[in-house]
């Protein structure tokens, strides 16, 4: 799921990608909300908060939300630059390498939060997660040709509504029945993404209350193992 791209990619690979990384994003986002009261990857909400603080001339909070947005964009740009470099070198594992970097970042963040007592742990958590979620979203967007999103579900919810409407029109004979399997396939992909994000969010809260910041180390290690498994599977096929 982190190797095959473009014409080699199928719905099963996209569904595995969506379910796995949406669950990771859901866990990280809800845990961050538990700590500081807002989400690290919800750029719609963060831009709205920025505009609110700018309108009220609240400089310090405004600068913070601006930083969160810029760092998310920086994570996406960093990921895209690595992907571009890897694709120029015909390196099909570059997506998995990016996910390994995400996992390593989570492990390092967990170590810092657990044992180094940062002065502002909530601020550090949000800023680091924003970068890592930007990185992850760029990976998923590029490898799936924008068919999959994992760090937020606004677009996914919209896509579910669109596919339901298309299927409704098929039932009304306003759309061709031969396209129904495609609509069902896309509906399944988006529905599984949303449900995985939801399930990951529930698990993230449980893990945070059970392990505190050490849950970042657990999730980061899982992400690294997932990427390494994909790279190993590619080698076995060659």
C-alpha atoms as a PDB file:
ATOM      1  CA  UNK A   1       0.000   0.000   0.000  1.00  0.00           C
ATOM      2  CA  UNK A   2       3.018   2.325   0.407  1.00  0.00           C
ATOM      3  CA  UNK A   3       4.742   1.128  -2.758  1.00  0.00           C
ATOM      4  CA  UNK A   4       2.355   0.756  -5.704  1.00  0.00           C
ATOM      5  CA  UNK A   5       1.489   4.022  -7.423  1.00  0.00           C
ATOM      6  CA  UNK A   6      -0.519   5.450 -10.285  1.00  0.00           C
ATOM      7  CA  UNK A   7      -1.659   2.801 -12.812  1.00  0.00           C
ATOM      8  CA  UNK A   8      -0.301  -0.015 -10.599  1.00  0.00           C
ATOM      9  CA  UNK A   9      -2.573   1.020  -7.757  1.00  0.00           C
ATOM     10  CA  UNK A  10      -5.944  -0.603  -6.975  1.00  0.00           C
ATOM     11  CA  UNK A  11      -8.837   0.037  -4.609  1.00  0.00           C
ATOM     12  CA  UNK A  12      -7.613  -2.539  -2.081  1.00  0.00           C
ATOM     13  CA  UNK A  13      -4.258  -0.759  -1.732  1.00  0.00           C
ATOM     14  CA  UNK A  14      -6.026   2.586  -1.287  1.00  0.00           C
ATOM     15  CA  UNK A  15      -8.390   1.100   1.297  1.00  0.00           C
ATOM     16  CA  UNK A  16      -5.527  -0.385   3.341  1.00  0.00           C
ATOM     17  CA  UNK A  17      -3.692   2.934   3.162  1.00  0.00           C
ATOM     18  CA  UNK A  18      -6.773   4.897   4.187  1.00  0.00           C
ATOM     19  CA  UNK A  19      -7.762   2.624   7.061  1.00  0.00           C
ATOM     20  CA  UNK A  20      -4.284   2.406   8.566  1.00  0.00           C
ATOM     21  CA  UNK A  21      -3.119   6.000   8.355  1.00  0.00           C
ATOM     22  CA  UNK A  22      -6.546   7.516   9.051  1.00  0.00           C
ATOM     23  CA  UNK A  23      -6.586   5.543  12.307  1.00  0.00           C
ATOM     24  CA  UNK A  24      -3.126   6.924  13.140  1.00  0.00           C
ATOM     25  CA  UNK A  25      -4.235  10.480  12.376  1.00  0.00           C
ATOM     26  CA  UNK A  26      -7.434  10.052  14.377  1.00  0.00           C
ATOM     27  CA  UNK A  27      -5.489   8.812  17.402  1.00  0.00           C
ATOM     28  CA  UNK A  28      -2.977  11.669  17.261  1.00  0.00           C
ATOM     29  CA  UNK A  29      -5.585  14.364  16.654  1.00  0.00           C
ATOM     30  CA  UNK A  30      -7.862  13.356  19.516  1.00  0.00           C
ATOM     31  CA  UNK A  31      -4.967  12.930  21.932  1.00  0.00           C
ATOM     32  CA  UNK A  32      -3.756  16.433  21.016  1.00  0.00           C
ATOM     33  CA  UNK A  33      -7.286  17.751  21.590  1.00  0.00           C
ATOM     34  CA  UNK A  34      -7.289  16.069  25.002  1.00  0.00           C
ATOM     35  CA  UNK A  35      -4.093  17.940  25.911  1.00  0.00           C
ATOM     36  CA  UNK A  36      -4.649  21.438  24.498  1.00  0.00           C
ATOM     37  CA  UNK A  37      -8.277  21.620  23.363  1.00  0.00           C
ATOM     38  CA  UNK A  38      -7.860  21.860  19.584  1.00  0.00           C
ATOM     39  CA  UNK A  39      -6.641  19.712  16.703  1.00  0.00           C
ATOM     40  CA  UNK A  40      -3.177  19.625  15.178  1.00  0.00           C
ATOM     41  CA  UNK A  41      -4.292  18.781  11.621  1.00  0.00           C
ATOM     42  CA  UNK A  42      -7.591  20.665  11.334  1.00  0.00           C
ATOM     43  CA  UNK A  43      -6.409  23.556   9.201  1.00  0.00           C
ATOM     44  CA  UNK A  44      -9.978  24.781   8.613  1.00  0.00           C
ATOM     45  CA  UNK A  45     -10.471  25.248  12.343  1.00  0.00           C
ATOM     46  CA  UNK A  46      -6.990  26.661  12.834  1.00  0.00           C
ATOM     47  CA  UNK A  47      -7.379  29.229  10.051  1.00  0.00           C
ATOM     48  CA  UNK A  48     -10.765  30.199  11.535  1.00  0.00           C
ATOM     49  CA  UNK A  49      -9.139  30.582  14.967  1.00  0.00           C
ATOM     50  CA  UNK A  50      -6.387  32.693  13.398  1.00  0.00           C
ATOM     51  CA  UNK A  51      -8.933  34.994  11.763  1.00  0.00           C
ATOM     52  CA  UNK A  52     -10.821  35.297  15.064  1.00  0.00           C
ATOM     53  CA  UNK A  53      -7.679  36.318  16.959  1.00  0.00           C
ATOM     54  CA  UNK A  54      -6.641  38.737  14.198  1.00  0.00           C
ATOM     55  CA  UNK A  55     -10.082  40.366  14.277  1.00  0.00           C
ATOM     56  CA  UNK A  56      -9.774  40.798  18.056  1.00  0.00           C
ATOM     57  CA  UNK A  57      -6.147  41.971  17.796  1.00  0.00           C
ATOM     58  CA  UNK A  58      -5.027  39.070  20.035  1.00  0.00           C
ATOM     59  CA  UNK A  59      -1.446  38.999  18.825  1.00  0.00           C
ATOM     60  CA  UNK A  60       0.112  36.138  20.814  1.00  0.00           C
ATOM     61  CA  UNK A  61      -2.624  33.529  20.138  1.00  0.00           C
ATOM     62  CA  UNK A  62      -2.756  34.681  16.514  1.00  0.00           C
ATOM     63  CA  UNK A  63       0.972  34.100  16.076  1.00  0.00           C
ATOM     64  CA  UNK A  64       0.606  30.625  17.583  1.00  0.00           C
ATOM     65  CA  UNK A  65      -2.178  29.579  15.192  1.00  0.00           C
ATOM     66  CA  UNK A  66      -0.254  31.074  12.280  1.00  0.00           C
ATOM     67  CA  UNK A  67       2.737  28.970  13.350  1.00  0.00           C
ATOM     68  CA  UNK A  68       0.611  25.796  13.437  1.00  0.00           C
ATOM     69  CA  UNK A  69      -0.643  26.465   9.891  1.00  0.00           C
ATOM     70  CA  UNK A  70       2.809  27.290   8.536  1.00  0.00           C
ATOM     71  CA  UNK A  71       4.357  24.211  10.148  1.00  0.00           C
ATOM     72  CA  UNK A  72       1.663  21.952   8.653  1.00  0.00           C
ATOM     73  CA  UNK A  73       2.452  23.445   5.231  1.00  0.00           C
ATOM     74  CA  UNK A  74       6.181  22.991   5.885  1.00  0.00           C
ATOM     75  CA  UNK A  75       5.608  19.303   6.675  1.00  0.00           C
ATOM     76  CA  UNK A  76       3.709  18.867   3.419  1.00  0.00           C
ATOM     77  CA  UNK A  77       6.402  20.689   1.449  1.00  0.00           C
ATOM     78  CA  UNK A  78       9.203  18.679   3.066  1.00  0.00           C
ATOM     79  CA  UNK A  79       7.405  15.440   2.229  1.00  0.00           C
ATOM     80  CA  UNK A  80       6.725  16.522  -1.360  1.00  0.00           C
ATOM     81  CA  UNK A  81      10.379  17.470  -1.893  1.00  0.00           C
ATOM     82  CA  UNK A  82      11.501  14.031  -0.693  1.00  0.00           C
ATOM     83  CA  UNK A  83       8.919  12.331  -2.903  1.00  0.00           C
ATOM     84  CA  UNK A  84       9.972  14.391  -5.931  1.00  0.00           C
ATOM     85  CA  UNK A  85      13.625  13.496  -5.357  1.00  0.00           C
ATOM     86  CA  UNK A  86      12.780   9.820  -4.920  1.00  0.00           C
ATOM     87  CA  UNK A  87      10.602   9.684  -8.034  1.00  0.00           C
ATOM     88  CA  UNK A  88      13.319  11.294 -10.130  1.00  0.00           C
ATOM     89  CA  UNK A  89      15.580   8.440  -9.005  1.00  0.00           C
ATOM     90  CA  UNK A  90      12.846   5.826  -9.681  1.00  0.00           C
ATOM     91  CA  UNK A  91      12.786   5.059  -5.942  1.00  0.00           C
ATOM     92  CA  UNK A  92       9.400   3.401  -5.418  1.00  0.00           C
ATOM     93  CA  UNK A  93      10.007   3.055  -1.666  1.00  0.00           C
ATOM     94  CA  UNK A  94      10.208   6.827  -1.146  1.00  0.00           C
ATOM     95  CA  UNK A  95       6.656   6.920   0.256  1.00  0.00           C
ATOM     96  CA  UNK A  96       7.511   4.266   2.829  1.00  0.00           C
ATOM     97  CA  UNK A  97      10.686   6.180   3.703  1.00  0.00           C
ATOM     98  CA  UNK A  98       8.582   9.269   4.434  1.00  0.00           C
ATOM     99  CA  UNK A  99       6.320   7.246   6.714  1.00  0.00           C
ATOM    100  CA  UNK A 100       9.405   5.901   8.523  1.00  0.00           C
ATOM    101  CA  UNK A 101      10.444   9.515   9.101  1.00  0.00           C
ATOM    102  CA  UNK A 102       6.987  10.237  10.499  1.00  0.00           C
ATOM    103  CA  UNK A 103       7.270   7.264  12.856  1.00  0.00           C
ATOM    104  CA  UNK A 104      10.750   8.304  13.959  1.00  0.00           C
ATOM    105  CA  UNK A 105       9.457  11.810  14.641  1.00  0.00           C
ATOM    106  CA  UNK A 106       6.657  10.413  16.809  1.00  0.00           C
ATOM    107  CA  UNK A 107       9.085   8.237  18.772  1.00  0.00           C
ATOM    108  CA  UNK A 108      11.429  11.189  19.329  1.00  0.00           C
ATOM    109  CA  UNK A 109       8.527  13.432  20.366  1.00  0.00           C
ATOM    110  CA  UNK A 110       7.341  10.782  22.821  1.00  0.00           C
ATOM    111  CA  UNK A 111      10.816  10.512  24.358  1.00  0.00           C
ATOM    112  CA  UNK A 112      11.080  14.294  24.749  1.00  0.00           C
ATOM    113  CA  UNK A 113       7.607  14.610  26.260  1.00  0.00           C
ATOM    114  CA  UNK A 114       8.114  11.667  28.655  1.00  0.00           C
ATOM    115  CA  UNK A 115      11.615  12.192  29.935  1.00  0.00           C
ATOM    116  CA  UNK A 116      12.916  15.675  29.106  1.00  0.00           C
ATOM    117  CA  UNK A 117      10.130  17.763  30.689  1.00  0.00           C
ATOM    118  CA  UNK A 118       9.773  20.496  28.020  1.00  0.00           C
ATOM    119  CA  UNK A 119       8.709  23.910  29.287  1.00  0.00           C
ATOM    120  CA  UNK A 120       5.510  23.919  27.204  1.00  0.00           C
ATOM    121  CA  UNK A 121       4.635  20.277  26.449  1.00  0.00           C
ATOM    122  CA  UNK A 122       1.254  21.083  24.880  1.00  0.00           C
ATOM    123  CA  UNK A 123       2.752  23.661  22.509  1.00  0.00           C
ATOM    124  CA  UNK A 124       5.561  21.298  21.489  1.00  0.00           C
ATOM    125  CA  UNK A 125       3.051  18.490  20.917  1.00  0.00           C
ATOM    126  CA  UNK A 126       0.823  20.551  18.636  1.00  0.00           C
ATOM    127  CA  UNK A 127       3.650  22.054  16.594  1.00  0.00           C
ATOM    128  CA  UNK A 128       5.391  18.706  16.054  1.00  0.00           C
ATOM    129  CA  UNK A 129       2.164  16.864  15.234  1.00  0.00           C
ATOM    130  CA  UNK A 130       1.203  19.585  12.760  1.00  0.00           C
ATOM    131  CA  UNK A 131       4.464  19.027  10.879  1.00  0.00           C
ATOM    132  CA  UNK A 132       4.079  15.236  10.950  1.00  0.00           C
ATOM    133  CA  UNK A 133       0.426  15.336   9.888  1.00  0.00           C
ATOM    134  CA  UNK A 134       1.351  17.642   6.999  1.00  0.00           C
ATOM    135  CA  UNK A 135       4.034  15.139   6.009  1.00  0.00           C
ATOM    136  CA  UNK A 136       1.605  12.207   6.197  1.00  0.00           C
ATOM    137  CA  UNK A 137      -1.111  13.984   4.262  1.00  0.00           C
ATOM    138  CA  UNK A 138       1.288  14.810   1.443  1.00  0.00           C
ATOM    139  CA  UNK A 139       2.408  11.169   1.240  1.00  0.00           C
ATOM    140  CA  UNK A 140      -1.145   9.865   1.075  1.00  0.00           C
ATOM    141  CA  UNK A 141      -2.243  12.523  -1.418  1.00  0.00           C
ATOM    142  CA  UNK A 142       0.653  11.856  -3.781  1.00  0.00           C
ATOM    143  CA  UNK A 143       0.645   8.058  -3.651  1.00  0.00           C
ATOM    144  CA  UNK A 144      -3.141   7.802  -4.143  1.00  0.00           C
ATOM    145  CA  UNK A 145      -3.397  10.583  -6.735  1.00  0.00           C
ATOM    146  CA  UNK A 146      -5.565  12.557  -4.268  1.00  0.00           C
ATOM    147  CA  UNK A 147      -8.112   9.730  -3.941  1.00  0.00           C
ATOM    148  CA  UNK A 148      -7.365   9.361  -0.229  1.00  0.00           C
ATOM    149  CA  UNK A 149      -7.073  11.829   2.662  1.00  0.00           C
ATOM    150  CA  UNK A 150      -6.260  10.661   6.176  1.00  0.00           C
ATOM    151  CA  UNK A 151      -5.533  13.585   8.501  1.00  0.00           C
ATOM    152  CA  UNK A 152      -8.979  15.199   8.244  1.00  0.00           C
ATOM    153  CA  UNK A 153     -12.417  14.011   7.171  1.00  0.00           C
ATOM    154  CA  UNK A 154     -14.261  17.116   5.913  1.00  0.00           C
ATOM    155  CA  UNK A 155     -13.502  16.250   2.298  1.00  0.00           C
ATOM    156  CA  UNK A 156     -14.119  12.570   2.974  1.00  0.00           C
ATOM    157  CA  UNK A 157     -17.560  13.315   4.410  1.00  0.00           C
ATOM    158  CA  UNK A 158     -18.333  15.426   1.348  1.00  0.00           C
ATOM    159  CA  UNK A 159     -17.252  12.568  -0.925  1.00  0.00           C
ATOM    160  CA  UNK A 160     -19.549  10.156   0.935  1.00  0.00           C
ATOM    161  CA  UNK A 161     -22.475  12.485   0.285  1.00  0.00           C
ATOM    162  CA  UNK A 162     -21.564  12.777  -3.396  1.00  0.00           C
ATOM    163  CA  UNK A 163     -21.320   9.009  -3.904  1.00  0.00           C
ATOM    164  CA  UNK A 164     -24.633   8.457  -2.096  1.00  0.00           C
ATOM    165  CA  UNK A 165     -26.265  11.023  -4.369  1.00  0.00           C
ATOM    166  CA  UNK A 166     -24.825   9.316  -7.458  1.00  0.00           C
ATOM    167  CA  UNK A 167     -26.158   5.951  -6.306  1.00  0.00           C
ATOM    168  CA  UNK A 168     -29.550   7.522  -5.612  1.00  0.00           C
ATOM    169  CA  UNK A 169     -29.610   8.831  -9.179  1.00  0.00           C
ATOM    170  CA  UNK A 170     -28.707   5.365 -10.446  1.00  0.00           C
ATOM    171  CA  UNK A 171     -31.740   3.998  -8.597  1.00  0.00           C
ATOM    172  CA  UNK A 172     -33.848   6.739 -10.192  1.00  0.00           C
ATOM    173  CA  UNK A 173     -32.436   5.826 -13.643  1.00  0.00           C
ATOM    174  CA  UNK A 174     -30.943   9.312 -13.952  1.00  0.00           C
ATOM    175  CA  UNK A 175     -27.412   7.840 -14.112  1.00  0.00           C
ATOM    176  CA  UNK A 176     -26.184   4.755 -15.919  1.00  0.00           C
ATOM    177  CA  UNK A 177     -26.377   1.544 -13.811  1.00  0.00           C
ATOM    178  CA  UNK A 178     -23.055   0.412 -15.287  1.00  0.00           C
ATOM    179  CA  UNK A 179     -21.328   3.101 -13.178  1.00  0.00           C
ATOM    180  CA  UNK A 180     -22.858   1.851  -9.913  1.00  0.00           C
ATOM    181  CA  UNK A 181     -19.912  -0.471  -9.054  1.00  0.00           C
ATOM    182  CA  UNK A 182     -17.514   2.490  -9.297  1.00  0.00           C
ATOM    183  CA  UNK A 183     -19.709   4.622  -7.024  1.00  0.00           C
ATOM    184  CA  UNK A 184     -19.978   1.761  -4.525  1.00  0.00           C
ATOM    185  CA  UNK A 185     -16.223   1.249  -4.572  1.00  0.00           C
ATOM    186  CA  UNK A 186     -15.524   4.904  -3.887  1.00  0.00           C
ATOM    187  CA  UNK A 187     -18.260   5.049  -1.241  1.00  0.00           C
ATOM    188  CA  UNK A 188     -16.666   2.087   0.537  1.00  0.00           C
ATOM    189  CA  UNK A 189     -13.229   3.728   0.440  1.00  0.00           C
ATOM    190  CA  UNK A 190     -14.485   6.999   1.935  1.00  0.00           C
ATOM    191  CA  UNK A 191     -16.691   5.288   4.513  1.00  0.00           C
ATOM    192  CA  UNK A 192     -13.824   3.090   5.713  1.00  0.00           C
ATOM    193  CA  UNK A 193     -11.586   6.168   5.945  1.00  0.00           C
ATOM    194  CA  UNK A 194     -14.081   8.013   8.131  1.00  0.00           C
ATOM    195  CA  UNK A 195     -14.742   4.986  10.354  1.00  0.00           C
ATOM    196  CA  UNK A 196     -11.018   4.328  10.738  1.00  0.00           C
ATOM    197  CA  UNK A 197     -10.414   7.936  11.763  1.00  0.00           C
ATOM    198  CA  UNK A 198     -13.226   7.590  14.295  1.00  0.00           C
ATOM    199  CA  UNK A 199     -11.924   4.291  15.676  1.00  0.00           C
ATOM    200  CA  UNK A 200      -8.391   5.675  15.839  1.00  0.00           C
ATOM    201  CA  UNK A 201      -9.658   8.674  17.787  1.00  0.00           C
ATOM    202  CA  UNK A 202     -11.311   6.463  20.384  1.00  0.00           C
ATOM    203  CA  UNK A 203      -8.178   4.326  20.666  1.00  0.00           C
ATOM    204  CA  UNK A 204      -5.999   7.447  20.914  1.00  0.00           C
ATOM    205  CA  UNK A 205      -7.891   8.704  23.969  1.00  0.00           C
ATOM    206  CA  UNK A 206      -7.655   5.294  25.652  1.00  0.00           C
ATOM    207  CA  UNK A 207      -3.937   4.987  24.898  1.00  0.00           C
ATOM    208  CA  UNK A 208      -3.208   8.513  26.113  1.00  0.00           C
ATOM    209  CA  UNK A 209      -4.973   7.912  29.430  1.00  0.00           C
ATOM    210  CA  UNK A 210      -3.246   4.533  29.770  1.00  0.00           C
ATOM    211  CA  UNK A 211       0.294   5.439  28.666  1.00  0.00           C
ATOM    212  CA  UNK A 212       0.403   9.252  28.803  1.00  0.00           C
ATOM    213  CA  UNK A 213       2.887  10.621  26.232  1.00  0.00           C
ATOM    214  CA  UNK A 214       4.474   7.186  25.836  1.00  0.00           C
ATOM    215  CA  UNK A 215       1.579   6.384  23.502  1.00  0.00           C
ATOM    216  CA  UNK A 216       3.459   8.463  20.884  1.00  0.00           C
ATOM    217  CA  UNK A 217       6.349   5.996  21.073  1.00  0.00           C
ATOM    218  CA  UNK A 218       3.943   3.098  20.607  1.00  0.00           C
ATOM    219  CA  UNK A 219       2.222   4.634  17.573  1.00  0.00           C
ATOM    220  CA  UNK A 220       5.524   5.780  16.077  1.00  0.00           C
ATOM    221  CA  UNK A 221       7.000   2.303  16.392  1.00  0.00           C
ATOM    222  CA  UNK A 222       3.895   0.809  14.777  1.00  0.00           C
ATOM    223  CA  UNK A 223       4.140   3.254  11.861  1.00  0.00           C
ATOM    224  CA  UNK A 224       7.814   2.403  11.317  1.00  0.00           C
ATOM    225  CA  UNK A 225       7.094  -1.340  11.355  1.00  0.00           C
ATOM    226  CA  UNK A 226       4.258  -0.833   8.872  1.00  0.00           C
ATOM    227  CA  UNK A 227       6.532   0.997   6.426  1.00  0.00           C
ATOM    228  CA  UNK A 228       9.353  -1.547   6.832  1.00  0.00           C
ATOM    229  CA  UNK A 229       6.888  -4.379   6.192  1.00  0.00           C
ATOM    230  CA  UNK A 230       5.843  -2.722   2.935  1.00  0.00           C
ATOM    231  CA  UNK A 231       9.453  -2.279   1.864  1.00  0.00           C
ATOM    232  CA  UNK A 232      10.255  -5.905   2.692  1.00  0.00           C
ATOM    233  CA  UNK A 233       7.203  -7.111   0.794  1.00  0.00           C
ATOM    234  CA  UNK A 234       8.364  -5.156  -2.274  1.00  0.00           C
ATOM    235  CA  UNK A 235      11.798  -6.811  -2.104  1.00  0.00           C
ATOM    236  CA  UNK A 236      10.214 -10.266  -1.924  1.00  0.00           C
ATOM    237  CA  UNK A 237       8.179  -9.565  -5.057  1.00  0.00           C
ATOM    238  CA  UNK A 238      11.234  -8.485  -7.063  1.00  0.00           C
END
